[in-house]
N, C-alpha and C. Protein backbone atom coordinates (compact mmCIF):
# COMPACT_ATOMS: atom_id res chain seq x y z
N MET A 1 14.48 -32.72 -5.22
CA MET A 1 14.67 -33.71 -4.54
C MET A 1 16.51 -33.45 -4.51
N ARG A 2 16.62 -32.45 -4.99
CA ARG A 2 18.41 -31.79 -3.99
C ARG A 2 18.36 -31.17 -3.19
N THR A 3 17.40 -30.84 -2.71
CA THR A 3 17.51 -29.89 -1.20
C THR A 3 17.58 -31.31 -0.53
N PHE A 4 16.76 -32.00 -0.26
CA PHE A 4 16.70 -33.13 0.38
C PHE A 4 18.28 -34.05 0.43
N LEU A 5 18.55 -34.48 -1.22
CA LEU A 5 20.29 -35.28 -0.88
C LEU A 5 21.60 -34.24 -0.38
N VAL A 6 21.38 -32.95 -0.65
CA VAL A 6 22.27 -32.26 0.15
C VAL A 6 21.46 -32.64 1.64
N TYR A 7 20.67 -32.29 2.67
CA TYR A 7 20.93 -32.18 3.73
C TYR A 7 20.68 -33.34 3.94
N THR A 8 20.60 -34.30 3.13
CA THR A 8 21.23 -35.80 3.66
C THR A 8 22.49 -36.03 3.18
N LEU A 9 23.76 -35.73 2.95
CA LEU A 9 24.41 -35.80 2.34
C LEU A 9 25.09 -35.00 4.00
N LEU A 10 24.47 -33.29 4.46
CA LEU A 10 25.21 -32.98 5.44
C LEU A 10 24.89 -33.48 6.67
N ARG A 11 23.89 -34.69 6.46
CA ARG A 11 23.58 -34.97 7.85
C ARG A 11 24.97 -36.28 8.06
N LEU A 12 25.05 -36.98 6.69
CA LEU A 12 25.94 -37.56 7.46
C LEU A 12 27.56 -37.28 7.11
N VAL A 13 27.76 -35.58 6.59
CA VAL A 13 28.73 -35.85 7.71
C VAL A 13 29.10 -35.28 8.42
N ILE A 14 27.34 -34.71 9.22
CA ILE A 14 27.89 -34.69 10.77
C ILE A 14 27.98 -35.65 11.27
N PHE A 15 27.57 -37.04 11.30
CA PHE A 15 27.46 -38.31 11.72
C PHE A 15 29.34 -38.35 11.67
N ALA A 16 29.47 -38.80 10.57
CA ALA A 16 31.21 -39.83 9.98
C ALA A 16 32.45 -38.64 10.70
N ALA A 17 31.82 -37.52 11.39
CA ALA A 17 33.03 -36.51 12.63
C ALA A 17 32.65 -36.36 13.61
N CYS A 18 30.98 -37.29 13.58
CA CYS A 18 30.93 -37.76 15.12
C CYS A 18 31.98 -38.58 15.29
N PHE A 19 31.92 -39.35 15.40
CA PHE A 19 32.45 -41.01 14.47
C PHE A 19 33.50 -40.30 15.21
N GLY A 20 34.18 -40.00 14.02
CA GLY A 20 35.65 -40.45 13.73
C GLY A 20 36.03 -39.99 14.94
N VAL A 21 35.43 -37.92 15.52
CA VAL A 21 36.18 -37.99 16.86
C VAL A 21 35.70 -38.78 18.37
N LEU A 22 34.96 -39.71 18.72
CA LEU A 22 34.62 -41.22 19.11
C LEU A 22 35.40 -41.82 18.83
N PHE A 23 35.50 -41.84 18.11
CA PHE A 23 36.99 -43.26 18.13
C PHE A 23 38.46 -42.93 17.90
N VAL A 24 38.22 -42.06 18.15
CA VAL A 24 40.10 -41.28 18.35
C VAL A 24 40.06 -40.80 20.02
N LEU A 25 38.90 -40.96 20.60
CA LEU A 25 38.98 -40.95 21.77
C LEU A 25 38.91 -42.45 22.55
N PHE A 26 38.12 -43.23 21.74
CA PHE A 26 37.43 -44.43 22.76
C PHE A 26 37.51 -45.33 21.97
N GLY A 27 37.56 -45.68 20.99
CA GLY A 27 38.63 -47.05 19.49
C GLY A 27 39.38 -48.37 20.06
N SER A 28 39.89 -47.33 21.24
CA SER A 28 40.71 -49.17 21.89
C SER A 28 39.95 -49.59 22.51
N GLN A 29 38.90 -48.93 23.32
CA GLN A 29 37.82 -48.70 24.32
C GLN A 29 36.76 -49.55 23.55
N ALA A 30 36.39 -49.08 22.92
CA ALA A 30 34.62 -49.74 22.93
C ALA A 30 34.71 -50.47 20.96
N SER A 31 33.71 -51.20 21.39
CA SER A 31 33.81 -51.53 19.60
C SER A 31 32.74 -49.81 18.91
N GLY A 32 32.85 -50.48 17.14
CA GLY A 32 32.85 -49.83 16.92
C GLY A 32 30.90 -49.91 16.87
N TRP A 33 30.18 -50.68 17.49
CA TRP A 33 28.56 -50.03 17.45
C TRP A 33 28.83 -49.19 18.84
N LEU A 34 29.43 -49.87 19.14
CA LEU A 34 29.31 -48.75 20.62
C LEU A 34 30.01 -47.15 21.08
N ILE A 35 30.60 -47.19 19.97
CA ILE A 35 30.66 -45.40 19.74
C ILE A 35 29.74 -44.71 18.15
N ALA A 36 28.99 -45.86 17.69
CA ALA A 36 28.34 -45.02 16.60
C ALA A 36 27.06 -45.32 17.66
N LEU A 37 26.31 -45.22 18.11
CA LEU A 37 25.38 -45.14 18.63
C LEU A 37 25.27 -43.97 19.57
N PRO A 38 25.95 -43.58 20.27
CA PRO A 38 26.22 -42.26 20.60
C PRO A 38 26.73 -41.42 19.99
N ALA A 39 27.60 -41.56 18.30
CA ALA A 39 27.88 -41.41 17.44
C ALA A 39 26.18 -40.46 16.97
N LEU A 40 25.36 -41.51 16.15
CA LEU A 40 24.14 -40.86 16.42
C LEU A 40 22.99 -40.00 16.98
N LEU A 41 23.84 -40.15 18.64
CA LEU A 41 22.28 -38.88 19.03
C LEU A 41 23.82 -38.09 18.79
N PHE A 42 24.63 -37.93 19.18
CA PHE A 42 25.25 -36.80 18.58
C PHE A 42 24.94 -35.53 17.21
N THR A 43 24.65 -36.55 16.46
CA THR A 43 25.14 -36.37 14.97
C THR A 43 22.96 -35.67 14.97
N SER A 44 22.41 -36.12 16.63
CA SER A 44 20.56 -35.80 16.06
C SER A 44 20.99 -34.23 16.02
N GLY A 45 21.69 -34.23 16.80
CA GLY A 45 21.61 -32.96 18.50
C GLY A 45 22.43 -32.11 17.20
N LEU A 46 23.61 -31.87 16.99
CA LEU A 46 24.12 -31.20 15.68
C LEU A 46 23.12 -30.69 14.56
N SER A 47 22.66 -31.92 14.67
CA SER A 47 21.75 -31.80 12.92
C SER A 47 21.23 -30.48 13.00
N TRP A 48 19.98 -30.55 14.53
CA TRP A 48 18.47 -29.87 14.82
C TRP A 48 19.55 -27.93 14.67
N LEU A 49 20.83 -28.82 15.40
CA LEU A 49 21.31 -27.24 15.81
C LEU A 49 21.91 -26.59 14.55
N LEU A 50 22.42 -27.07 13.82
CA LEU A 50 23.09 -26.85 12.88
C LEU A 50 22.45 -26.60 11.28
N LEU A 51 21.71 -27.81 11.01
CA LEU A 51 21.24 -28.43 10.01
C LEU A 51 18.88 -27.56 10.01
N ARG A 52 19.22 -26.96 10.91
CA ARG A 52 17.92 -26.11 11.05
C ARG A 52 17.12 -25.78 9.37
N ARG A 53 17.52 -24.66 9.08
CA ARG A 53 17.05 -23.64 7.86
C ARG A 53 17.33 -25.31 6.71
N GLN A 54 18.82 -25.99 6.35
CA GLN A 54 18.05 -26.65 4.88
C GLN A 54 17.73 -27.65 5.65
N GLY A 55 16.49 -27.65 6.64
CA GLY A 55 15.84 -29.18 7.34
C GLY A 55 14.15 -28.82 6.59
N ALA A 56 14.84 -27.20 7.12
CA ALA A 56 12.02 -27.32 6.48
C ALA A 56 12.95 -26.39 5.84
N GLU A 57 13.27 -26.20 4.14
CA GLU A 57 13.50 -26.40 3.26
C GLU A 57 14.15 -27.93 2.73
N ALA A 58 14.23 -28.94 2.67
CA ALA A 58 14.51 -30.55 2.56
C ALA A 58 12.91 -30.97 2.92
N GLY A 59 12.11 -30.16 4.06
CA GLY A 59 10.31 -30.59 4.16
C GLY A 59 9.93 -29.89 3.15
N ARG A 60 9.71 -28.74 2.81
CA ARG A 60 9.12 -28.60 2.13
C ARG A 60 9.77 -29.19 0.93
N ALA A 61 10.40 -29.45 -0.16
CA ALA A 61 10.69 -29.88 -1.00
C ALA A 61 10.05 -31.32 -1.18
N PHE A 62 10.10 -31.08 -0.01
CA PHE A 62 9.61 -32.98 0.25
C PHE A 62 7.83 -33.32 0.27
N SER A 63 7.45 -32.11 0.46
CA SER A 63 6.40 -32.02 0.97
C SER A 63 5.95 -31.41 0.12
N SER A 64 6.18 -30.57 -1.26
CA SER A 64 5.83 -29.98 -2.38
C SER A 64 5.74 -31.05 -3.57
N GLY A 65 6.37 -32.17 -3.45
CA GLY A 65 6.35 -33.34 -4.35
C GLY A 65 5.71 -34.37 -3.59
N VAL A 66 4.78 -34.56 -2.32
CA VAL A 66 3.78 -35.41 -2.16
C VAL A 66 2.60 -34.58 -2.48
N HIS A 67 2.19 -33.90 -2.43
CA HIS A 67 1.58 -32.86 -3.20
C HIS A 67 1.36 -33.14 -3.72
N ALA A 68 2.17 -33.21 -5.10
CA ALA A 68 2.40 -32.66 -6.60
C ALA A 68 2.10 -34.34 -7.11
N ALA A 69 2.37 -35.48 -6.69
CA ALA A 69 2.63 -36.94 -6.37
C ALA A 69 0.69 -37.09 -6.55
N ARG A 70 0.09 -37.20 -5.36
CA ARG A 70 -0.61 -36.76 -4.89
C ARG A 70 -1.78 -36.03 -5.81
N GLY A 71 -1.82 -34.83 -6.07
CA GLY A 71 -2.34 -34.00 -7.28
C GLY A 71 -1.77 -35.40 -9.45
N ARG A 72 -1.52 -35.99 -9.05
CA ARG A 72 -1.26 -36.87 -10.66
C ARG A 72 -2.24 -38.18 -10.35
N LEU A 73 -2.05 -38.61 -9.05
CA LEU A 73 -3.00 -40.08 -8.95
C LEU A 73 -4.21 -38.96 -8.34
N ASP A 74 -5.02 -37.94 -7.76
CA ASP A 74 -6.11 -37.46 -8.03
C ASP A 74 -6.43 -37.22 -9.41
N ALA A 75 -6.07 -37.27 -10.51
CA ALA A 75 -6.08 -36.67 -11.69
C ALA A 75 -6.23 -38.21 -11.84
N ALA A 76 -5.87 -38.77 -11.94
CA ALA A 76 -6.09 -40.25 -13.23
C ALA A 76 -6.20 -41.30 -12.53
N THR A 77 -7.78 -41.18 -11.27
CA THR A 77 -7.84 -41.64 -10.80
C THR A 77 -9.84 -40.42 -11.24
N ARG A 78 -10.13 -39.90 -11.01
CA ARG A 78 -11.12 -39.50 -11.46
C ARG A 78 -10.90 -39.50 -12.95
N LYS A 79 -9.57 -39.38 -14.08
CA LYS A 79 -10.07 -40.20 -15.31
C LYS A 79 -10.20 -41.39 -15.73
N GLU A 80 -9.77 -42.43 -14.22
CA GLU A 80 -10.78 -43.63 -14.77
C GLU A 80 -11.87 -43.67 -14.61
N ASP A 81 -12.72 -43.45 -13.11
CA ASP A 81 -14.22 -42.71 -12.90
C ASP A 81 -14.51 -42.21 -13.99
N VAL A 82 -13.91 -41.81 -15.23
CA VAL A 82 -14.60 -40.66 -16.16
C VAL A 82 -15.50 -41.86 -16.94
N ASP A 83 -14.07 -42.60 -17.48
CA ASP A 83 -14.14 -43.51 -18.15
C ASP A 83 -14.64 -44.38 -17.75
């Protein structure tokens, strides 16, 4: 869970940086929503380039958590079926 949280926080930092740069460049000419949309696009590309390793680790951690929860659910279902 910690790796997923770190990855999410790093993506938020990248978004804030993109938004800040775009706001400084175009803040007087555009509204916040018009700045946020390109910031989201830039964030997705930059996070793919810069956070590839952290994203893979977060995906593995999330997947292992899902598999563990599914295993517990299956064990509880089997226990119910026996009773």
